[in-house]
Amino acid sequence: MASGGSEAPKIVWSERVGRFETEDKESYLEYELRDGGRVMDILHTYVPRSKRGLGLASHLCVVAFAHAQSHSLSVIPTCSYVSDTFLPRNPSWNSILHQDLKSHI
């Protein structure tokens, strides 16, 4: 198995289970739609210990935020990785946060 490749892993949208996940399903971001499907609440990100440090959690977040943006959804960052790590490093995504949260970030 090759390591250190520069190609980003393919992320699959599993709408039925409310996830964005790597093709091997080992790393994922879980969400729930709220407010009649207009708000994406990102609940949890998970990357197995063996794959941490490769940027997978960030990549999952970018895909989820891009999906939310393209579907005119706002985002609630319930997951602590998203609120405490991803958003401070990627403030351009703050523009699609749920209205009640924008004043706190």
PDB file of N, CA and C in Angstrom:
ATOM      1  N   MET A   1       0.850  -1.178   0.000  1.00  0.00           N
ATOM      2  CA  MET A   1       0.000   0.000   0.000  1.00  0.00           C
ATOM      3  C   MET A   1       0.890   1.234   0.000  1.00  0.00           C
ATOM      4  N   ALA A   2       0.679   2.117  -0.948  1.00  0.00           N
ATOM      5  CA  ALA A   2       1.481   3.324  -1.059  1.00  0.00           C
ATOM      6  C   ALA A   2       1.064   4.317   0.013  1.00  0.00           C
ATOM      7  N   SER A   3       2.013   5.111   0.456  1.00  0.00           N
ATOM      8  CA  SER A   3       1.689   6.127   1.449  1.00  0.00           C
ATOM      9  C   SER A   3       2.266   7.455   1.011  1.00  0.00           C
ATOM     10  N   GLY A   4       1.700   8.522   1.566  1.00  0.00           N
ATOM     11  CA  GLY A   4       2.212   9.845   1.286  1.00  0.00           C
ATOM     12  C   GLY A   4       1.848  10.383  -0.083  1.00  0.00           C
ATOM     13  N   GLY A   5       0.874   9.791  -0.749  1.00  0.00           N
ATOM     14  CA  GLY A   5       0.451  10.289  -2.051  1.00  0.00           C
ATOM     15  C   GLY A   5      -0.147  11.675  -1.927  1.00  0.00           C
ATOM     16  N   SER A   6       0.002  12.496  -2.955  1.00  0.00           N
ATOM     17  CA  SER A   6      -0.496  13.859  -2.897  1.00  0.00           C
ATOM     18  C   SER A   6      -1.960  13.952  -3.310  1.00  0.00           C
ATOM     19  N   GLU A   7      -2.506  12.900  -3.857  1.00  0.00           N
ATOM     20  CA  GLU A   7      -3.895  12.923  -4.296  1.00  0.00           C
ATOM     21  C   GLU A   7      -4.826  12.811  -3.096  1.00  0.00           C
ATOM     22  N   ALA A   8      -5.809  13.715  -3.043  1.00  0.00           N
ATOM     23  CA  ALA A   8      -6.774  13.687  -1.952  1.00  0.00           C
ATOM     24  C   ALA A   8      -7.638  12.441  -2.074  1.00  0.00           C
ATOM     25  N   PRO A   9      -8.010  11.850  -0.949  1.00  0.00           N
ATOM     26  CA  PRO A   9      -8.858  10.660  -1.001  1.00  0.00           C
ATOM     27  C   PRO A   9     -10.241  11.012  -1.517  1.00  0.00           C
ATOM     28  N   LYS A  10     -10.873  10.076  -2.157  1.00  0.00           N
ATOM     29  CA  LYS A  10     -12.234  10.281  -2.643  1.00  0.00           C
ATOM     30  C   LYS A  10     -13.189  10.205  -1.462  1.00  0.00           C
ATOM     31  N   ILE A  11     -14.059  11.199  -1.383  1.00  0.00           N
ATOM     32  CA  ILE A  11     -15.073  11.239  -0.333  1.00  0.00           C
ATOM     33  C   ILE A  11     -16.421  10.924  -0.973  1.00  0.00           C
ATOM     34  N   VAL A  12     -17.169  10.043  -0.336  1.00  0.00           N
ATOM     35  CA  VAL A  12     -18.463   9.595  -0.838  1.00  0.00           C
ATOM     36  C   VAL A  12     -19.557  10.164   0.060  1.00  0.00           C
ATOM     37  N   TRP A  13     -20.609  10.714  -0.557  1.00  0.00           N
ATOM     38  CA  TRP A  13     -21.762  11.194   0.195  1.00  0.00           C
ATOM     39  C   TRP A  13     -22.721  10.040   0.374  1.00  0.00           C
ATOM     40  N   SER A  14     -22.935   9.633   1.610  1.00  0.00           N
ATOM     41  CA  SER A  14     -23.901   8.577   1.925  1.00  0.00           C
ATOM     42  C   SER A  14     -25.130   9.243   2.535  1.00  0.00           C
ATOM     43  N   GLU A  15     -25.948   9.769   1.665  1.00  0.00           N
ATOM     44  CA  GLU A  15     -27.109  10.559   2.098  1.00  0.00           C
ATOM     45  C   GLU A  15     -28.034   9.763   3.011  1.00  0.00           C
ATOM     46  N   ARG A  16     -28.236   8.511   2.706  1.00  0.00           N
ATOM     47  CA  ARG A  16     -29.166   7.671   3.475  1.00  0.00           C
ATOM     48  C   ARG A  16     -28.805   7.594   4.959  1.00  0.00           C
ATOM     49  N   VAL A  17     -27.502   7.603   5.277  1.00  0.00           N
ATOM     50  CA  VAL A  17     -27.066   7.495   6.671  1.00  0.00           C
ATOM     51  C   VAL A  17     -26.522   8.811   7.221  1.00  0.00           C
ATOM     52  N   GLY A  18     -26.595   9.889   6.437  1.00  0.00           N
ATOM     53  CA  GLY A  18     -26.156  11.189   6.915  1.00  0.00           C
ATOM     54  C   GLY A  18     -24.660  11.262   7.150  1.00  0.00           C
ATOM     55  N   ARG A  19     -23.897  10.833   6.136  1.00  0.00           N
ATOM     56  CA  ARG A  19     -22.440  10.822   6.290  1.00  0.00           C
ATOM     57  C   ARG A  19     -21.741  11.236   5.002  1.00  0.00           C
ATOM     58  N   PHE A  20     -20.569  11.798   5.183  1.00  0.00           N
ATOM     59  CA  PHE A  20     -19.568  11.898   4.128  1.00  0.00           C
ATOM     60  C   PHE A  20     -18.458  10.984   4.619  1.00  0.00           C
ATOM     61  N   GLU A  21     -17.967  10.097   3.764  1.00  0.00           N
ATOM     62  CA  GLU A  21     -16.986   9.115   4.223  1.00  0.00           C
ATOM     63  C   GLU A  21     -15.983   8.793   3.130  1.00  0.00           C
ATOM     64  N   THR A  22     -14.822   8.297   3.565  1.00  0.00           N
ATOM     65  CA  THR A  22     -13.841   7.839   2.601  1.00  0.00           C
ATOM     66  C   THR A  22     -14.378   6.563   1.967  1.00  0.00           C
ATOM     67  N   GLU A  23     -13.855   6.214   0.811  1.00  0.00           N
ATOM     68  CA  GLU A  23     -14.354   5.026   0.108  1.00  0.00           C
ATOM     69  C   GLU A  23     -14.275   3.769   0.965  1.00  0.00           C
ATOM     70  N   ASP A  24     -13.253   3.684   1.837  1.00  0.00           N
ATOM     71  CA  ASP A  24     -13.125   2.502   2.700  1.00  0.00           C
ATOM     72  C   ASP A  24     -14.037   2.575   3.926  1.00  0.00           C
ATOM     73  N   LYS A  25     -14.757   3.683   4.073  1.00  0.00           N
ATOM     74  CA  LYS A  25     -15.716   3.916   5.160  1.00  0.00           C
ATOM     75  C   LYS A  25     -15.068   3.987   6.537  1.00  0.00           C
ATOM     76  N   GLU A  26     -13.747   4.061   6.592  1.00  0.00           N
ATOM     77  CA  GLU A  26     -13.057   4.117   7.892  1.00  0.00           C
ATOM     78  C   GLU A  26     -13.062   5.516   8.494  1.00  0.00           C
ATOM     79  N   SER A  27     -13.037   6.537   7.663  1.00  0.00           N
ATOM     80  CA  SER A  27     -13.061   7.923   8.124  1.00  0.00           C
ATOM     81  C   SER A  27     -14.370   8.538   7.653  1.00  0.00           C
ATOM     82  N   TYR A  28     -15.007   9.328   8.541  1.00  0.00           N
ATOM     83  CA  TYR A  28     -16.299   9.872   8.163  1.00  0.00           C
ATOM     84  C   TYR A  28     -16.650  11.129   8.944  1.00  0.00           C
ATOM     85  N   LEU A  29     -17.625  11.836   8.420  1.00  0.00           N
ATOM     86  CA  LEU A  29     -18.225  12.997   9.063  1.00  0.00           C
ATOM     87  C   LEU A  29     -19.723  12.719   9.095  1.00  0.00           C
ATOM     88  N   GLU A  30     -20.318  12.795  10.286  1.00  0.00           N
ATOM     89  CA  GLU A  30     -21.753  12.536  10.445  1.00  0.00           C
ATOM     90  C   GLU A  30     -22.502  13.855  10.620  1.00  0.00           C
ATOM     91  N   TYR A  31     -23.687  13.916  10.017  1.00  0.00           N
ATOM     92  CA  TYR A  31     -24.505  15.121  10.145  1.00  0.00           C
ATOM     93  C   TYR A  31     -25.974  14.740  10.221  1.00  0.00           C
ATOM     94  N   GLU A  32     -26.775  15.711  10.660  1.00  0.00           N
ATOM     95  CA  GLU A  32     -28.234  15.595  10.621  1.00  0.00           C
ATOM     96  C   GLU A  32     -28.762  16.860   9.986  1.00  0.00           C
ATOM     97  N   LEU A  33     -29.806  16.728   9.187  1.00  0.00           N
ATOM     98  CA  LEU A  33     -30.466  17.903   8.633  1.00  0.00           C
ATOM     99  C   LEU A  33     -31.530  18.364   9.614  1.00  0.00           C
ATOM    100  N   ARG A  34     -31.609  19.659   9.805  1.00  0.00           N
ATOM    101  CA  ARG A  34     -32.570  20.251  10.738  1.00  0.00           C
ATOM    102  C   ARG A  34     -33.347  21.357  10.016  1.00  0.00           C
ATOM    103  N   ASP A  35     -34.320  21.902  10.702  1.00  0.00           N
ATOM    104  CA  ASP A  35     -35.084  23.041  10.191  1.00  0.00           C
ATOM    105  C   ASP A  35     -35.631  22.777   8.794  1.00  0.00           C
ATOM    106  N   GLY A  36     -36.298  21.647   8.632  1.00  0.00           N
ATOM    107  CA  GLY A  36     -36.903  21.308   7.351  1.00  0.00           C
ATOM    108  C   GLY A  36     -35.899  21.037   6.245  1.00  0.00           C
ATOM    109  N   GLY A  37     -34.699  20.592   6.622  1.00  0.00           N
ATOM    110  CA  GLY A  37     -33.673  20.264   5.644  1.00  0.00           C
ATOM    111  C   GLY A  37     -32.848  21.458   5.189  1.00  0.00           C
ATOM    112  N   ARG A  38     -32.983  22.597   5.865  1.00  0.00           N
ATOM    113  CA  ARG A  38     -32.238  23.799   5.465  1.00  0.00           C
ATOM    114  C   ARG A  38     -30.951  23.999   6.258  1.00  0.00           C
ATOM    115  N   VAL A  39     -30.758  23.211   7.304  1.00  0.00           N
ATOM    116  CA  VAL A  39     -29.585  23.362   8.167  1.00  0.00           C
ATOM    117  C   VAL A  39     -28.880  22.015   8.319  1.00  0.00           C
ATOM    118  N   MET A  40     -27.570  22.000   8.084  1.00  0.00           N
ATOM    119  CA  MET A  40     -26.760  20.799   8.280  1.00  0.00           C
ATOM    120  C   MET A  40     -26.047  20.923   9.633  1.00  0.00           C
ATOM    121  N   ASP A  41     -26.394  20.065  10.552  1.00  0.00           N
ATOM    122  CA  ASP A  41     -25.748  20.029  11.864  1.00  0.00           C
ATOM    123  C   ASP A  41     -24.655  18.960  11.800  1.00  0.00           C
ATOM    124  N   ILE A  42     -23.398  19.400  11.797  1.00  0.00           N
ATOM    125  CA  ILE A  42     -22.274  18.450  11.744  1.00  0.00           C
ATOM    126  C   ILE A  42     -22.012  17.967  13.159  1.00  0.00           C
ATOM    127  N   LEU A  43     -22.269  16.688  13.381  1.00  0.00           N
ATOM    128  CA  LEU A  43     -22.256  16.104  14.711  1.00  0.00           C
ATOM    129  C   LEU A  43     -20.912  15.528  15.124  1.00  0.00           C
ATOM    130  N   HIS A  44     -20.202  14.912  14.159  1.00  0.00           N
ATOM    131  CA  HIS A  44     -19.025  14.128  14.555  1.00  0.00           C
ATOM    132  C   HIS A  44     -18.129  13.893  13.344  1.00  0.00           C
ATOM    133  N   THR A  45     -16.830  13.959  13.571  1.00  0.00           N
ATOM    134  CA  THR A  45     -15.876  13.499  12.566  1.00  0.00           C
ATOM    135  C   THR A  45     -15.049  12.392  13.214  1.00  0.00           C
ATOM    136  N   TYR A  46     -14.679  11.420  12.418  1.00  0.00           N
ATOM    137  CA  TYR A  46     -13.863  10.318  12.935  1.00  0.00           C
ATOM    138  C   TYR A  46     -12.833   9.907  11.894  1.00  0.00           C
ATOM    139  N   VAL A  47     -11.600   9.805  12.357  1.00  0.00           N
ATOM    140  CA  VAL A  47     -10.499   9.276  11.553  1.00  0.00           C
ATOM    141  C   VAL A  47      -9.768   8.265  12.443  1.00  0.00           C
ATOM    142  N   PRO A  48      -9.574   7.032  11.953  1.00  0.00           N
ATOM    143  CA  PRO A  48      -8.893   6.043  12.787  1.00  0.00           C
ATOM    144  C   PRO A  48      -7.457   6.478  13.101  1.00  0.00           C
ATOM    145  N   ARG A  49      -6.971   6.056  14.226  1.00  0.00           N
ATOM    146  CA  ARG A  49      -5.636   6.427  14.696  1.00  0.00           C
ATOM    147  C   ARG A  49      -4.577   6.218  13.611  1.00  0.00           C
ATOM    148  N   SER A  50      -4.690   5.137  12.862  1.00  0.00           N
ATOM    149  CA  SER A  50      -3.688   4.809  11.847  1.00  0.00           C
ATOM    150  C   SER A  50      -3.661   5.799  10.682  1.00  0.00           C
ATOM    151  N   LYS A  51      -4.729   6.625  10.557  1.00  0.00           N
ATOM    152  CA  LYS A  51      -4.796   7.571   9.432  1.00  0.00           C
ATOM    153  C   LYS A  51      -4.795   9.026   9.874  1.00  0.00           C
ATOM    154  N   ARG A  52      -4.561   9.255  11.157  1.00  0.00           N
ATOM    155  CA  ARG A  52      -4.547  10.633  11.652  1.00  0.00           C
ATOM    156  C   ARG A  52      -3.282  11.349  11.203  1.00  0.00           C
ATOM    157  N   GLY A  53      -3.386  12.655  11.086  1.00  0.00           N
ATOM    158  CA  GLY A  53      -2.252  13.457  10.662  1.00  0.00           C
ATOM    159  C   GLY A  53      -2.120  13.577   9.151  1.00  0.00           C
ATOM    160  N   LEU A  54      -3.059  13.023   8.408  1.00  0.00           N
ATOM    161  CA  LEU A  54      -3.011  13.057   6.943  1.00  0.00           C
ATOM    162  C   LEU A  54      -3.951  14.115   6.352  1.00  0.00           C
ATOM    163  N   GLY A  55      -4.657  14.828   7.220  1.00  0.00           N
ATOM    164  CA  GLY A  55      -5.582  15.853   6.749  1.00  0.00           C
ATOM    165  C   GLY A  55      -6.955  15.344   6.365  1.00  0.00           C
ATOM    166  N   LEU A  56      -7.267  14.108   6.740  1.00  0.00           N
ATOM    167  CA  LEU A  56      -8.564  13.530   6.349  1.00  0.00           C
ATOM    168  C   LEU A  56      -9.749  14.251   6.982  1.00  0.00           C
ATOM    169  N   ALA A  57      -9.643  14.608   8.257  1.00  0.00           N
ATOM    170  CA  ALA A  57     -10.765  15.290   8.921  1.00  0.00           C
ATOM    171  C   ALA A  57     -11.038  16.626   8.239  1.00  0.00           C
ATOM    172  N   SER A  58      -9.991  17.356   7.925  1.00  0.00           N
ATOM    173  CA  SER A  58     -10.151  18.628   7.228  1.00  0.00           C
ATOM    174  C   SER A  58     -10.765  18.426   5.847  1.00  0.00           C
ATOM    175  N   HIS A  59     -10.304  17.416   5.148  1.00  0.00           N
ATOM    176  CA  HIS A  59     -10.837  17.123   3.807  1.00  0.00           C
ATOM    177  C   HIS A  59     -12.323  16.767   3.882  1.00  0.00           C
ATOM    178  N   LEU A  60     -12.709  15.981   4.865  1.00  0.00           N
ATOM    179  CA  LEU A  60     -14.120  15.654   5.063  1.00  0.00           C
ATOM    180  C   LEU A  60     -14.936  16.923   5.310  1.00  0.00           C
ATOM    181  N   CYS A  61     -14.401  17.824   6.108  1.00  0.00           N
ATOM    182  CA  CYS A  61     -15.100  19.080   6.403  1.00  0.00           C
ATOM    183  C   CYS A  61     -15.253  19.941   5.161  1.00  0.00           C
ATOM    184  N   VAL A  62     -14.198  20.053   4.368  1.00  0.00           N
ATOM    185  CA  VAL A  62     -14.276  20.859   3.145  1.00  0.00           C
ATOM    186  C   VAL A  62     -15.377  20.318   2.231  1.00  0.00           C
ATOM    187  N   VAL A  63     -15.421  19.001   2.070  1.00  0.00           N
ATOM    188  CA  VAL A  63     -16.447  18.397   1.216  1.00  0.00           C
ATOM    189  C   VAL A  63     -17.846  18.668   1.784  1.00  0.00           C
ATOM    190  N   ALA A  64     -18.012  18.519   3.091  1.00  0.00           N
ATOM    191  CA  ALA A  64     -19.324  18.750   3.706  1.00  0.00           C
ATOM    192  C   ALA A  64     -19.740  20.215   3.593  1.00  0.00           C
ATOM    193  N   PHE A  65     -18.813  21.132   3.857  1.00  0.00           N
ATOM    194  CA  PHE A  65     -19.141  22.556   3.760  1.00  0.00           C
ATOM    195  C   PHE A  65     -19.436  22.952   2.311  1.00  0.00           C
ATOM    196  N   ALA A  66     -18.693  22.411   1.368  1.00  0.00           N
ATOM    197  CA  ALA A  66     -18.946  22.702  -0.045  1.00  0.00           C
ATOM    198  C   ALA A  66     -20.326  22.174  -0.452  1.00  0.00           C
ATOM    199  N   HIS A  67     -20.675  21.000   0.041  1.00  0.00           N
ATOM    200  CA  HIS A  67     -21.996  20.422  -0.224  1.00  0.00           C
ATOM    201  C   HIS A  67     -23.084  21.336   0.350  1.00  0.00           C
ATOM    202  N   ALA A  68     -22.896  21.755   1.600  1.00  0.00           N
ATOM    203  CA  ALA A  68     -23.882  22.639   2.233  1.00  0.00           C
ATOM    204  C   ALA A  68     -24.027  23.932   1.434  1.00  0.00           C
ATOM    205  N   GLN A  69     -22.916  24.502   1.039  1.00  0.00           N
ATOM    206  CA  GLN A  69     -22.949  25.755   0.286  1.00  0.00           C
ATOM    207  C   GLN A  69     -23.668  25.578  -1.052  1.00  0.00           C
ATOM    208  N   SER A  70     -23.360  24.503  -1.749  1.00  0.00           N
ATOM    209  CA  SER A  70     -23.966  24.297  -3.075  1.00  0.00           C
ATOM    210  C   SER A  70     -25.457  23.955  -2.994  1.00  0.00           C
ATOM    211  N   HIS A  71     -25.908  23.529  -1.816  1.00  0.00           N
ATOM    212  CA  HIS A  71     -27.329  23.212  -1.620  1.00  0.00           C
ATOM    213  C   HIS A  71     -28.034  24.288  -0.788  1.00  0.00           C
ATOM    214  N   SER A  72     -27.382  25.442  -0.624  1.00  0.00           N
ATOM    215  CA  SER A  72     -27.940  26.587   0.118  1.00  0.00           C
ATOM    216  C   SER A  72     -28.342  26.221   1.542  1.00  0.00           C
ATOM    217  N   LEU A  73     -27.508  25.398   2.189  1.00  0.00           N
ATOM    218  CA  LEU A  73     -27.741  25.028   3.583  1.00  0.00           C
ATOM    219  C   LEU A  73     -26.841  25.876   4.478  1.00  0.00           C
ATOM    220  N   SER A  74     -27.294  26.157   5.679  1.00  0.00           N
ATOM    221  CA  SER A  74     -26.402  26.734   6.671  1.00  0.00           C
ATOM    222  C   SER A  74     -25.897  25.580   7.539  1.00  0.00           C
ATOM    223  N   VAL A  75     -24.832  25.831   8.287  1.00  0.00           N
ATOM    224  CA  VAL A  75     -24.164  24.767   9.039  1.00  0.00           C
ATOM    225  C   VAL A  75     -24.116  25.103  10.526  1.00  0.00           C
ATOM    226  N   ILE A  76     -24.397  24.101  11.335  1.00  0.00           N
ATOM    227  CA  ILE A  76     -24.185  24.172  12.783  1.00  0.00           C
ATOM    228  C   ILE A  76     -22.999  23.257  13.078  1.00  0.00           C
ATOM    229  N   PRO A  77     -21.897  23.803  13.622  1.00  0.00           N
ATOM    230  CA  PRO A  77     -20.709  22.988  13.894  1.00  0.00           C
ATOM    231  C   PRO A  77     -20.728  22.374  15.298  1.00  0.00           C
ATOM    232  N   THR A  78     -21.628  21.428  15.536  1.00  0.00           N
ATOM    233  CA  THR A  78     -21.720  20.780  16.846  1.00  0.00           C
ATOM    234  C   THR A  78     -20.431  20.018  17.175  1.00  0.00           C
ATOM    235  N   CYS A  79     -19.827  19.389  16.183  1.00  0.00           N
ATOM    236  CA  CYS A  79     -18.586  18.638  16.369  1.00  0.00           C
ATOM    237  C   CYS A  79     -17.473  19.572  16.828  1.00  0.00           C
ATOM    238  N   SER A  80     -16.785  19.211  17.896  1.00  0.00           N
ATOM    239  CA  SER A  80     -15.731  20.070  18.436  1.00  0.00           C
ATOM    240  C   SER A  80     -14.549  20.233  17.478  1.00  0.00           C
ATOM    241  N   TYR A  81     -14.262  19.220  16.666  1.00  0.00           N
ATOM    242  CA  TYR A  81     -13.183  19.382  15.686  1.00  0.00           C
ATOM    243  C   TYR A  81     -13.539  20.514  14.709  1.00  0.00           C
ATOM    244  N   VAL A  82     -14.780  20.535  14.263  1.00  0.00           N
ATOM    245  CA  VAL A  82     -15.205  21.552  13.298  1.00  0.00           C
ATOM    246  C   VAL A  82     -15.156  22.937  13.936  1.00  0.00           C
ATOM    247  N   SER A  83     -15.728  23.088  15.122  1.00  0.00           N
ATOM    248  CA  SER A  83     -15.801  24.409  15.754  1.00  0.00           C
ATOM    249  C   SER A  83     -14.457  24.886  16.301  1.00  0.00           C
ATOM    250  N   ASP A  84     -13.649  23.987  16.839  1.00  0.00           N
ATOM    251  CA  ASP A  84     -12.422  24.395  17.521  1.00  0.00           C
ATOM    252  C   ASP A  84     -11.165  24.338  16.654  1.00  0.00           C
ATOM    253  N   THR A  85     -11.183  23.546  15.604  1.00  0.00           N
ATOM    254  CA  THR A  85      -9.981  23.377  14.780  1.00  0.00           C
ATOM    255  C   THR A  85     -10.216  23.779  13.328  1.00  0.00           C
ATOM    256  N   PHE A  86     -11.193  23.184  12.677  1.00  0.00           N
ATOM    257  CA  PHE A  86     -11.395  23.435  11.253  1.00  0.00           C
ATOM    258  C   PHE A  86     -11.771  24.891  10.960  1.00  0.00           C
ATOM    259  N   LEU A  87     -12.788  25.416  11.633  1.00  0.00           N
ATOM    260  CA  LEU A  87     -13.234  26.775  11.331  1.00  0.00           C
ATOM    261  C   LEU A  87     -12.188  27.847  11.649  1.00  0.00           C
ATOM    262  N   PRO A  88     -11.489  27.765  12.777  1.00  0.00           N
ATOM    263  CA  PRO A  88     -10.438  28.776  13.001  1.00  0.00           C
ATOM    264  C   PRO A  88      -9.343  28.737  11.921  1.00  0.00           C
ATOM    265  N   ARG A  89      -9.071  27.568  11.369  1.00  0.00           N
ATOM    266  CA  ARG A  89      -8.064  27.447  10.309  1.00  0.00           C
ATOM    267  C   ARG A  89      -8.617  27.790   8.931  1.00  0.00           C
ATOM    268  N   ASN A  90      -9.946  27.792   8.797  1.00  0.00           N
ATOM    269  CA  ASN A  90     -10.611  28.015   7.502  1.00  0.00           C
ATOM    270  C   ASN A  90     -11.773  28.998   7.676  1.00  0.00           C
ATOM    271  N   PRO A  91     -11.477  30.235   8.064  1.00  0.00           N
ATOM    272  CA  PRO A  91     -12.542  31.188   8.392  1.00  0.00           C
ATOM    273  C   PRO A  91     -13.439  31.571   7.219  1.00  0.00           C
ATOM    274  N   SER A  92     -13.030  31.266   6.005  1.00  0.00           N
ATOM    275  CA  SER A  92     -13.885  31.603   4.859  1.00  0.00           C
ATOM    276  C   SER A  92     -15.219  30.861   4.907  1.00  0.00           C
ATOM    277  N   TRP A  93     -15.272  29.732   5.617  1.00  0.00           N
ATOM    278  CA  TRP A  93     -16.519  28.966   5.729  1.00  0.00           C
ATOM    279  C   TRP A  93     -17.478  29.559   6.751  1.00  0.00           C
ATOM    280  N   ASN A  94     -17.030  30.524   7.548  1.00  0.00           N
ATOM    281  CA  ASN A  94     -17.918  31.123   8.558  1.00  0.00           C
ATOM    282  C   ASN A  94     -19.155  31.747   7.934  1.00  0.00           C
ATOM    283  N   SER A  95     -19.075  32.116   6.666  1.00  0.00           N
ATOM    284  CA  SER A  95     -20.192  32.784   6.002  1.00  0.00           C
ATOM    285  C   SER A  95     -21.430  31.891   5.853  1.00  0.00           C
ATOM    286  N   ILE A  96     -21.259  30.576   5.946  1.00  0.00           N
ATOM    287  CA  ILE A  96     -22.436  29.703   5.817  1.00  0.00           C
ATOM    288  C   ILE A  96     -22.866  29.086   7.151  1.00  0.00           C
ATOM    289  N   LEU A  97     -22.302  29.593   8.249  1.00  0.00           N
ATOM    290  CA  LEU A  97     -22.745  29.111   9.553  1.00  0.00           C
ATOM    291  C   LEU A  97     -24.184  29.561   9.799  1.00  0.00           C
ATOM    292  N   HIS A  98     -24.899  28.758  10.561  1.00  0.00           N
ATOM    293  CA  HIS A  98     -26.276  29.087  10.917  1.00  0.00           C
ATOM    294  C   HIS A  98     -26.295  30.472  11.559  1.00  0.00           C
ATOM    295  N   GLN A  99     -27.271  31.271  11.234  1.00  0.00           N
ATOM    296  CA  GLN A  99     -27.320  32.685  11.627  1.00  0.00           C
ATOM    297  C   GLN A  99     -27.079  32.896  13.121  1.00  0.00           C
ATOM    298  N   ASP A 100     -27.634  32.058  13.979  1.00  0.00           N
ATOM    299  CA  ASP A 100     -27.479  32.239  15.425  1.00  0.00           C
ATOM    300  C   ASP A 100     -26.037  32.064  15.881  1.00  0.00           C
ATOM    301  N   LEU A 101     -25.201  31.432  15.082  1.00  0.00           N
ATOM    302  CA  LEU A 101     -23.822  31.153  15.488  1.00  0.00           C
ATOM    303  C   LEU A 101     -22.830  32.193  14.994  1.00  0.00           C
ATOM    304  N   LYS A 102     -23.149  32.942  13.987  1.00  0.00           N
ATOM    305  CA  LYS A 102     -22.187  33.864  13.377  1.00  0.00           C
ATOM    306  C   LYS A 102     -21.641  34.879  14.366  1.00  0.00           C
ATOM    307  N   SER A 103     -22.451  35.300  15.316  1.00  0.00           N
ATOM    308  CA  SER A 103     -22.002  36.305  16.281  1.00  0.00           C
ATOM    309  C   SER A 103     -21.045  35.726  17.318  1.00  0.00           C
ATOM    310  N   HIS A 104     -20.967  34.405  17.431  1.00  0.00           N
ATOM    311  CA  HIS A 104     -20.106  33.766  18.420  1.00  0.00           C
ATOM    312  C   HIS A 104     -18.739  33.397  17.872  1.00  0.00           C
ATOM    313  N   ILE A 105     -18.551  33.500  16.567  1.00  0.00           N
ATOM    314  CA  ILE A 105     -17.282  33.053  15.949  1.00  0.00           C
ATOM    315  C   ILE A 105     -16.539  34.247  15.416  1.00  0.00           C
TER     316      ILE A 105
END
